Amino acid sequence: AKRPASVWELHPIVALRGVKVSDWGGRSLSTGSATSMWLDPKDGEMNHDVKALRNWWDFKGHKAELECLSLNQDGTPMGAPSGAADEPIKDWDFKNIDQLEDVAPGDLVDLCGVVKSSSEMSAITNKQGREVNKRTLILVDDSKKQVNIAVWGERASDESALSKKLSECPVIALRQVKVSDYDGRSVSVGSQSKIEIDPDIERAKSLRKWFASEGNIVTFESISNTDANQATATKSGGTQKVNSIAELNALTSGENTLSNTGQGKPPEYVNIDAKVSFIKRENSWYYTAGE
């Protein structure tokens, strides 16, 4: 319970020893002072094939129809909303994109906007050493602002319902997504967040009409520092090729363009080919964009 929500959003493997089984709410488990827990254990640490379990989840389990043994008070499976599972959300509390700059990092909000563009799916390694899919969407609305939206796991895959609609610039409604101060302002779609594609609600209809008549030619101001497609282009005009470390040092000194990076301006990017001569081993490396 002391671990941040972002840890559980990435669906880690958990090994538990010394848990109590009860018949409260169907079947449930509870931990105590004598309980031991391992998060994403390595193969060989447990008397179980951890790698096989991870492969099952990544390729089949995440989309399988699993029977839930724990129940809510009304008898519905725990983790699912009471009543019909596909009942549309009615109590949206949307914020405009330009309002996100005033939202505290870590807060959850509802958003509705048009997906103007997106990055290709990529695989990143999280803190637990596991690869997860990620895709970044650029969301816009009639406040004429845009923001980067990070989508993870199965939702980021090329076969997801969302990914298959991206070429059509769909309107999406996002429920309970987390605002972050990473990269200026950005938003992360967690496992408990809801995504509705082209929903039949007034806000979505209004945005769809606005984008068709005006929004598709608007120049948007981004509240995120980097473009979702920075691998091929940046807001400052592209990626520079640097031939040596001396040339890189020259670019970051004096009044050159890169010397002002970090002073309230978007970052710039360079490509350089070099040989690694020393690796500092005191600290572990991990990717922080999913925080």
Protein backbone atom coordinates (compact mmCIF):
# COMPACT_ATOMS: atom_id res chain seq x y z
CA ALA A 1 0.00 0.00 0.00
CA LYS A 2 3.00 2.30 0.47
CA ARG A 3 4.10 1.93 -3.14
CA PRO A 4 3.01 4.62 -5.66
CA ALA A 5 0.08 3.86 -7.94
CA SER A 6 2.37 4.01 -10.99
CA VAL A 7 4.00 0.72 -9.86
CA TRP A 8 0.72 -1.19 -10.04
CA GLU A 9 -0.35 0.44 -13.33
CA LEU A 10 2.42 -1.56 -15.08
CA HIS A 11 1.00 -4.91 -13.88
CA PRO A 12 4.03 -6.33 -12.03
CA ILE A 13 4.30 -9.96 -10.96
CA VAL A 14 3.89 -10.22 -7.18
CA ALA A 15 4.98 -13.20 -5.06
CA LEU A 16 3.46 -13.42 -1.56
CA ARG A 17 4.36 -15.69 1.34
CA GLY A 18 2.27 -16.00 4.47
CA VAL A 19 -1.05 -14.50 3.33
CA LYS A 20 -4.38 -15.33 4.91
CA VAL A 21 -7.22 -16.70 2.77
CA SER A 22 -10.75 -15.69 3.81
CA ASP A 23 -14.28 -16.09 2.45
CA TRP A 24 -15.08 -12.38 2.87
CA GLY A 25 -16.52 -11.10 -0.38
CA GLY A 26 -16.23 -14.43 -2.16
CA ARG A 27 -12.54 -15.27 -1.78
CA SER A 28 -9.93 -12.73 -0.71
CA LEU A 29 -6.37 -12.54 0.59
CA SER A 30 -5.03 -10.37 3.40
CA THR A 31 -1.47 -9.64 4.46
CA GLY A 32 -0.07 -9.37 7.96
CA SER A 33 3.16 -8.53 9.77
CA ALA A 34 4.55 -11.99 8.89
CA THR A 35 3.78 -11.64 5.18
CA SER A 36 6.70 -11.36 2.74
CA MET A 37 6.32 -9.85 -0.73
CA TRP A 38 8.54 -9.88 -3.80
CA LEU A 39 7.81 -7.46 -6.64
CA ASP A 40 8.75 -8.74 -10.12
CA PRO A 41 11.00 -11.53 -8.74
CA LYS A 42 13.77 -12.86 -10.94
CA ASP A 43 13.76 -16.39 -12.35
CA GLY A 44 15.30 -18.71 -9.78
CA GLU A 45 14.15 -16.70 -6.76
CA MET A 46 10.84 -18.56 -6.56
CA ASN A 47 9.71 -22.16 -6.99
CA HIS A 48 7.72 -20.99 -9.98
CA ASP A 49 8.44 -20.22 -13.61
CA VAL A 50 8.24 -16.42 -13.41
CA LYS A 51 9.24 -15.96 -17.05
CA ALA A 52 6.44 -18.27 -18.22
CA LEU A 53 3.91 -16.33 -16.14
CA ARG A 54 5.11 -13.02 -17.59
CA ASN A 55 4.95 -14.36 -21.16
CA TRP A 56 1.44 -15.67 -20.53
CA TRP A 57 0.27 -12.28 -19.27
CA ASP A 58 1.93 -10.26 -22.05
CA PHE A 59 0.61 -12.43 -24.90
CA LYS A 60 -2.67 -13.89 -23.58
CA GLY A 61 -3.55 -13.05 -20.01
CA HIS A 62 -4.05 -9.29 -20.40
CA LYS A 63 -6.89 -9.89 -22.86
CA ALA A 64 -8.31 -13.14 -21.43
CA GLU A 65 -11.71 -13.29 -19.74
CA LEU A 66 -10.63 -14.03 -16.16
CA GLU A 67 -13.01 -15.20 -13.45
CA CYS A 68 -12.84 -12.94 -10.40
CA LEU A 69 -13.16 -14.76 -7.05
CA SER A 70 -13.54 -11.53 -5.03
CA LEU A 71 -16.94 -9.82 -5.03
CA ASN A 72 -18.37 -6.39 -4.19
CA GLN A 73 -21.19 -6.09 -1.69
CA ASP A 74 -23.73 -6.20 -4.51
CA GLY A 75 -22.27 -9.47 -5.78
CA THR A 76 -20.52 -8.00 -8.84
CA PRO A 77 -16.85 -8.90 -9.48
CA MET A 78 -14.46 -6.65 -7.55
CA GLY A 79 -12.59 -4.23 -9.81
CA ALA A 80 -15.56 -3.85 -12.17
CA PRO A 81 -18.20 -1.12 -11.79
CA SER A 82 -21.55 -2.08 -10.32
CA GLY A 83 -24.20 -2.79 -12.93
CA ALA A 84 -23.50 -3.27 -16.63
CA ALA A 85 -19.78 -3.36 -17.42
CA ASP A 86 -20.25 -1.40 -20.63
CA GLU A 87 -22.56 1.29 -19.22
CA PRO A 88 -21.42 4.67 -20.59
CA ILE A 89 -20.03 7.23 -18.14
CA LYS A 90 -22.45 10.10 -17.51
CA ASP A 91 -20.82 12.24 -14.82
CA TRP A 92 -17.85 13.58 -16.79
CA ASP A 93 -16.00 16.55 -15.28
CA PHE A 94 -13.91 17.69 -18.23
CA LYS A 95 -11.05 20.16 -18.03
CA ASN A 96 -9.78 22.05 -21.06
CA ILE A 97 -6.16 21.47 -22.00
CA ASP A 98 -5.22 25.06 -21.15
CA GLN A 99 -6.37 24.42 -17.57
CA LEU A 100 -3.85 21.60 -17.02
CA GLU A 101 -1.04 24.03 -16.26
CA ASP A 102 -2.90 24.95 -13.05
CA VAL A 103 -3.48 21.31 -12.01
CA ALA A 104 -1.14 19.90 -9.36
CA PRO A 105 1.12 17.04 -10.56
CA GLY A 106 -0.36 13.72 -9.55
CA ASP A 107 -3.99 14.87 -9.68
CA LEU A 108 -6.52 12.90 -11.71
CA VAL A 109 -8.71 14.65 -14.29
CA ASP A 110 -11.18 13.97 -17.09
CA LEU A 111 -10.22 15.20 -20.57
CA CYS A 112 -11.91 15.32 -23.95
CA GLY A 113 -10.09 16.22 -27.14
CA VAL A 114 -9.12 15.36 -30.69
CA VAL A 115 -6.11 13.10 -31.31
CA LYS A 116 -4.26 15.27 -33.82
CA SER A 117 -1.32 12.85 -34.25
CA SER A 118 0.60 10.15 -32.42
CA SER A 119 3.97 8.46 -32.17
CA GLU A 120 4.73 4.92 -33.25
CA MET A 121 4.48 2.26 -30.56
CA SER A 122 7.76 1.77 -28.70
CA ALA A 123 8.96 -0.66 -26.02
CA ILE A 124 10.59 0.78 -22.93
CA THR A 125 12.12 -0.88 -19.86
CA ASN A 126 10.55 0.06 -16.53
CA LYS A 127 12.19 0.17 -13.11
CA GLN A 128 11.46 -3.52 -12.60
CA GLY A 129 13.41 -4.37 -15.77
CA ARG A 130 10.28 -5.36 -17.73
CA GLU A 131 9.48 -4.15 -21.24
CA VAL A 132 6.17 -2.33 -21.67
CA ASN A 133 4.53 -0.82 -24.74
CA LYS A 134 4.14 2.95 -24.93
CA ARG A 135 2.53 5.29 -27.43
CA THR A 136 2.26 9.07 -27.15
CA LEU A 137 -0.84 10.86 -28.43
CA ILE A 138 -1.03 14.59 -29.15
CA LEU A 139 -4.42 15.75 -27.86
CA VAL A 140 -5.90 19.13 -28.86
CA ASP A 141 -9.08 21.02 -28.05
CA ASP A 142 -10.77 24.34 -28.74
CA SER A 143 -8.59 26.14 -26.17
CA LYS A 144 -6.00 25.92 -29.00
CA LYS A 145 -3.55 24.09 -26.76
CA GLN A 146 -2.10 20.59 -27.13
CA VAL A 147 -0.67 18.10 -24.64
CA ASN A 148 1.17 14.78 -24.81
CA ILE A 149 -0.83 11.77 -23.58
CA ALA A 150 1.12 8.61 -22.67
CA VAL A 151 -0.75 5.36 -23.31
CA TRP A 152 0.70 2.10 -21.99
CA GLY A 153 0.50 -1.65 -22.40
CA GLU A 154 -2.17 -3.27 -24.55
CA ARG A 155 -3.82 0.08 -25.29
CA ALA A 156 -0.59 1.21 -26.98
CA SER A 157 -0.32 -1.86 -29.22
CA ASP A 158 -0.98 -1.62 -32.95
CA GLU A 159 -3.96 -3.98 -32.57
CA SER A 160 -5.86 -2.00 -29.94
CA ALA A 161 -9.18 -0.36 -30.81
CA LEU A 162 -7.64 3.05 -30.10
CA SER A 163 -4.60 2.54 -32.34
CA LYS A 164 -6.78 1.40 -35.24
CA LYS A 165 -8.70 4.71 -35.14
CA LEU A 166 -5.73 7.07 -34.86
CA SER A 167 -5.52 7.77 -38.60
CA GLU A 168 -9.05 9.25 -38.41
CA CYS A 169 -8.16 11.87 -35.74
CA PRO A 170 -10.82 10.55 -33.34
CA VAL A 171 -12.34 12.44 -30.45
CA ILE A 172 -11.54 10.63 -27.20
CA ALA A 173 -12.86 11.09 -23.68
CA LEU A 174 -10.41 10.19 -20.91
CA ARG A 175 -11.58 9.37 -17.40
CA GLN A 176 -9.30 9.76 -14.36
CA VAL A 177 -5.96 10.27 -16.11
CA LYS A 178 -2.94 11.53 -14.18
CA VAL A 179 -1.37 14.94 -14.77
CA SER A 180 2.42 15.07 -14.56
CA ASP A 181 5.03 17.83 -14.62
CA TYR A 182 7.31 15.54 -16.63
CA ASP A 183 8.30 17.26 -19.87
CA GLY A 184 6.47 20.48 -19.01
CA ARG A 185 2.94 19.20 -18.60
CA SER A 186 1.90 15.74 -19.76
CA VAL A 187 -0.79 13.18 -19.00
CA SER A 188 -0.56 9.43 -18.35
CA VAL A 189 -3.37 6.93 -18.95
CA GLY A 190 -3.23 4.36 -16.13
CA SER A 191 -4.73 0.89 -15.95
CA GLN A 192 -7.75 2.23 -14.02
CA SER A 193 -8.32 5.10 -16.47
CA LYS A 194 -11.18 4.83 -18.96
CA ILE A 195 -10.98 5.70 -22.67
CA GLU A 196 -14.09 6.24 -24.80
CA ILE A 197 -13.53 6.66 -28.54
CA ASP A 198 -15.90 9.01 -30.38
CA PRO A 199 -18.39 8.95 -27.46
CA ASP A 200 -21.98 10.06 -27.95
CA ILE A 201 -21.80 13.07 -25.61
CA GLU A 202 -22.26 16.79 -26.24
CA ARG A 203 -18.65 17.77 -25.57
CA ALA A 204 -17.36 15.22 -28.09
CA LYS A 205 -19.89 16.30 -30.71
CA SER A 206 -18.90 19.94 -30.25
CA LEU A 207 -15.18 19.17 -30.62
CA ARG A 208 -15.76 16.98 -33.67
CA LYS A 209 -17.66 19.81 -35.40
CA TRP A 210 -15.03 22.40 -34.35
CA PHE A 211 -12.12 20.30 -35.62
CA ALA A 212 -13.79 19.62 -38.97
CA SER A 213 -14.54 23.31 -39.62
CA GLU A 214 -11.63 25.11 -37.96
CA GLY A 215 -9.43 23.05 -35.66
CA ASN A 216 -7.66 21.08 -38.39
CA ILE A 217 -5.89 24.26 -39.58
CA VAL A 218 -5.15 25.83 -36.16
CA THR A 219 -1.53 26.27 -35.01
CA PHE A 220 -1.63 24.86 -31.49
CA GLU A 221 0.53 25.92 -28.55
CA SER A 222 1.92 22.90 -26.71
CA ILE A 223 2.06 22.70 -22.92
CA SER A 224 4.44 19.72 -23.29
CA ASN A 225 8.08 20.45 -24.01
CA THR A 226 8.73 17.76 -26.62
CA ASP A 227 6.87 16.62 -29.69
CA ALA A 228 5.47 13.07 -29.73
CA ASN A 229 7.39 12.48 -32.96
CA GLN A 230 10.73 13.87 -31.73
CA ALA A 231 12.55 10.86 -33.18
CA THR A 232 12.16 12.47 -36.59
CA ALA A 233 11.59 16.13 -35.79
CA THR A 234 11.59 18.64 -32.97
CA LYS A 235 9.81 21.93 -32.41
CA SER A 236 13.05 23.76 -33.00
CA GLY A 237 13.40 22.50 -36.52
CA GLY A 238 14.83 18.98 -36.49
CA THR A 239 17.65 16.86 -35.17
CA GLN A 240 21.23 17.98 -35.82
CA LYS A 241 24.04 15.63 -36.77
CA VAL A 242 27.15 16.14 -34.62
CA ASN A 243 30.42 14.59 -35.81
CA SER A 244 32.50 14.84 -32.61
CA ILE A 245 32.34 15.65 -28.90
CA ALA A 246 34.39 18.78 -29.61
CA GLU A 247 31.67 19.92 -32.02
CA LEU A 248 29.01 19.19 -29.37
CA ASN A 249 30.96 21.27 -26.83
CA ALA A 250 31.13 24.12 -29.33
CA LEU A 251 27.36 24.00 -29.81
CA THR A 252 26.73 24.29 -26.05
CA SER A 253 29.06 27.18 -25.37
CA GLY A 254 28.92 30.93 -25.98
CA GLU A 255 25.84 32.25 -27.76
CA ASN A 256 25.17 29.14 -29.82
CA THR A 257 21.65 27.75 -30.06
CA LEU A 258 22.09 24.81 -27.70
CA SER A 259 23.68 26.91 -24.95
CA ASN A 260 20.23 28.28 -24.04
CA THR A 261 18.62 24.86 -23.65
CA GLY A 262 16.94 24.48 -20.26
CA GLN A 263 16.31 28.22 -19.82
CA GLY A 264 12.58 28.01 -20.32
CA LYS A 265 12.96 26.88 -23.93
CA PRO A 266 12.15 23.51 -25.56
CA PRO A 267 15.05 21.02 -25.61
CA GLU A 268 17.02 20.44 -28.80
CA TYR A 269 18.30 17.09 -30.02
CA VAL A 270 21.50 15.87 -31.67
CA ASN A 271 22.72 12.57 -33.09
CA ILE A 272 26.30 11.55 -32.35
CA ASP A 273 28.27 8.32 -32.85
CA ALA A 274 30.75 7.67 -30.05
CA LYS A 275 32.51 4.87 -28.16
CA VAL A 276 31.75 4.30 -24.46
CA SER A 277 34.98 4.39 -22.44
CA PHE A 278 33.57 4.23 -18.89
CA ILE A 279 30.26 3.26 -17.25
CA LYS A 280 29.44 4.47 -13.75
CA ARG A 281 28.06 1.50 -11.80
CA GLU A 282 27.07 3.06 -8.47
CA ASN A 283 23.46 3.71 -9.47
CA SER A 284 20.99 1.59 -11.43
CA TRP A 285 19.66 2.96 -14.72
CA TYR A 286 15.96 3.09 -15.40
CA TYR A 287 13.52 4.89 -17.64
CA THR A 288 11.55 7.56 -15.80
CA ALA A 289 8.99 8.69 -18.38
CA GLY A 290 6.30 6.40 -16.96
CA GLU A 291 6.37 8.09 -13.57
